[in-house]
Structures are given as C-alpha cells and as structure tokens.
Amino acid sequence: MNGKQFSSGIAVVLICIFLTASIVTAGPVITVPLDQYDFGSVAEGTEVVRDFVIGNTGDAELVITHVKTG
C-alpha cells in the first residue's frame, strides 16, 4: 500500500466515523435544568405551583408523553 492509498483509506475511515457520530447524536435531546424541587412542609389542601422548564437542545421535535406526578 503506497502513501496515497493509505491517506485515502484514512480519509474514508474518518468520514465514516464522522457520519456515524452524526447519526447517533441526531434527534431530540431533553434538557431539564431543575429536575427536583422541595416544596417543604405544605398543609393538606393547600395549592402549590412550580413551573419546570423543559428544553430541547436536539435537532428534531421533542414529544413528551405519559407524564406522571410523583
């Protein structure tokens, strides 16, 4: 194998690695800066409200289903 063939082979391998990495990282990526919040002591029957910001840093639409409170 001469130098040009070797360089071409390396270039092909690098392109394949890059394309594979791109495919693996494509899609929605959920980000939740604050995934827990302590409300402290709350009397029964008291309404408490807290907004949780959910973001999508991916490159596809993020669809959220089956949300449950805990």
C-alpha atoms as a PDB file:
ATOM      1  CA  MET A   1       0.000   0.000   0.000  1.00  0.00           C
ATOM      2  CA  ASN A   2       1.544   3.314  -1.012  1.00  0.00           C
ATOM      3  CA  GLY A   3       1.182   6.678   0.764  1.00  0.00           C
ATOM      4  CA  LYS A   4      -1.712   7.911  -1.392  1.00  0.00           C
ATOM      5  CA  GLN A   5      -3.746   4.737  -0.835  1.00  0.00           C
ATOM      6  CA  PHE A   6      -3.040   4.892   2.890  1.00  0.00           C
ATOM      7  CA  SER A   7      -4.125   8.550   3.071  1.00  0.00           C
ATOM      8  CA  SER A   8      -7.272   7.804   1.096  1.00  0.00           C
ATOM      9  CA  GLY A   9      -8.050   4.880   3.398  1.00  0.00           C
ATOM     10  CA  ILE A  10      -7.667   7.055   6.478  1.00  0.00           C
ATOM     11  CA  ALA A  11      -9.885   9.738   4.926  1.00  0.00           C
ATOM     12  CA  VAL A  12     -12.624   7.188   4.226  1.00  0.00           C
ATOM     13  CA  VAL A  13     -12.430   5.845   7.788  1.00  0.00           C
ATOM     14  CA  LEU A  14     -12.597   9.356   9.259  1.00  0.00           C
ATOM     15  CA  ILE A  15     -15.605  10.244   7.098  1.00  0.00           C
ATOM     16  CA  CYS A  16     -17.384   7.048   8.210  1.00  0.00           C
ATOM     17  CA  ILE A  17     -16.689   7.835  11.873  1.00  0.00           C
ATOM     18  CA  PHE A  18     -17.973  11.396  11.425  1.00  0.00           C
ATOM     19  CA  LEU A  19     -21.157  10.235   9.689  1.00  0.00           C
ATOM     20  CA  THR A  20     -21.780   7.583  12.340  1.00  0.00           C
ATOM     21  CA  ALA A  21     -21.332  10.135  15.126  1.00  0.00           C
ATOM     22  CA  SER A  22     -23.751  12.480  13.369  1.00  0.00           C
ATOM     23  CA  ILE A  23     -26.402   9.779  13.107  1.00  0.00           C
ATOM     24  CA  VAL A  24     -26.027   8.768  16.750  1.00  0.00           C
ATOM     25  CA  THR A  25     -26.395  12.330  18.053  1.00  0.00           C
ATOM     26  CA  ALA A  26     -29.304  13.301  15.782  1.00  0.00           C
ATOM     27  CA  GLY A  27     -32.764  13.647  17.272  1.00  0.00           C
ATOM     28  CA  PRO A  28     -34.394  15.335  20.234  1.00  0.00           C
ATOM     29  CA  VAL A  29     -32.348  15.940  23.392  1.00  0.00           C
ATOM     30  CA  ILE A  30     -34.329  16.808  26.513  1.00  0.00           C
ATOM     31  CA  THR A  31     -32.803  19.250  28.984  1.00  0.00           C
ATOM     32  CA  VAL A  32     -34.249  19.836  32.437  1.00  0.00           C
ATOM     33  CA  PRO A  33     -32.137  22.278  34.442  1.00  0.00           C
ATOM     34  CA  LEU A  34     -34.030  21.548  37.671  1.00  0.00           C
ATOM     35  CA  ASP A  35     -35.445  18.023  37.834  1.00  0.00           C
ATOM     36  CA  GLN A  36     -36.437  18.153  41.513  1.00  0.00           C
ATOM     37  CA  TYR A  37     -37.927  20.771  43.779  1.00  0.00           C
ATOM     38  CA  ASP A  38     -38.543  20.561  47.529  1.00  0.00           C
ATOM     39  CA  PHE A  39     -41.824  22.243  48.425  1.00  0.00           C
ATOM     40  CA  GLY A  40     -41.058  21.848  52.103  1.00  0.00           C
ATOM     41  CA  SER A  41     -43.960  21.344  54.502  1.00  0.00           C
ATOM     42  CA  VAL A  42     -47.323  22.040  52.900  1.00  0.00           C
ATOM     43  CA  ALA A  43     -50.631  21.839  54.729  1.00  0.00           C
ATOM     44  CA  GLU A  44     -53.112  19.407  53.243  1.00  0.00           C
ATOM     45  CA  GLY A  45     -55.448  21.105  50.796  1.00  0.00           C
ATOM     46  CA  THR A  46     -53.002  23.923  50.040  1.00  0.00           C
ATOM     47  CA  GLU A  47     -52.391  24.510  46.352  1.00  0.00           C
ATOM     48  CA  VAL A  48     -48.739  24.758  45.423  1.00  0.00           C
ATOM     49  CA  VAL A  49     -47.445  25.583  41.984  1.00  0.00           C
ATOM     50  CA  ARG A  50     -43.988  25.256  40.453  1.00  0.00           C
ATOM     51  CA  ASP A  51     -43.071  25.577  36.788  1.00  0.00           C
ATOM     52  CA  PHE A  52     -40.397  23.265  35.437  1.00  0.00           C
ATOM     53  CA  VAL A  53     -38.657  24.454  32.302  1.00  0.00           C
ATOM     54  CA  ILE A  54     -38.063  21.683  29.789  1.00  0.00           C
ATOM     55  CA  GLY A  55     -35.942  22.366  26.750  1.00  0.00           C
ATOM     56  CA  ASN A  56     -34.902  20.600  23.582  1.00  0.00           C
ATOM     57  CA  THR A  57     -31.301  21.076  22.506  1.00  0.00           C
ATOM     58  CA  GLY A  58     -31.536  18.426  19.797  1.00  0.00           C
ATOM     59  CA  ASP A  59     -32.210  18.819  16.129  1.00  0.00           C
ATOM     60  CA  ALA A  60     -35.625  17.133  15.994  1.00  0.00           C
ATOM     61  CA  GLU A  61     -39.020  17.708  17.580  1.00  0.00           C
ATOM     62  CA  LEU A  62     -39.254  16.597  21.216  1.00  0.00           C
ATOM     63  CA  VAL A  63     -42.540  14.866  22.030  1.00  0.00           C
ATOM     64  CA  ILE A  64     -43.365  14.342  25.708  1.00  0.00           C
ATOM     65  CA  THR A  65     -45.964  11.703  26.583  1.00  0.00           C
ATOM     66  CA  HIS A  66     -47.006   9.748  29.669  1.00  0.00           C
ATOM     67  CA  VAL A  67     -46.273  12.446  32.225  1.00  0.00           C
ATOM     68  CA  LYS A  68     -46.822  11.341  35.831  1.00  0.00           C
ATOM     69  CA  THR A  69     -46.654  13.265  39.076  1.00  0.00           C
ATOM     70  CA  GLY A  70     -44.724  11.773  41.927  1.00  0.00           C
END
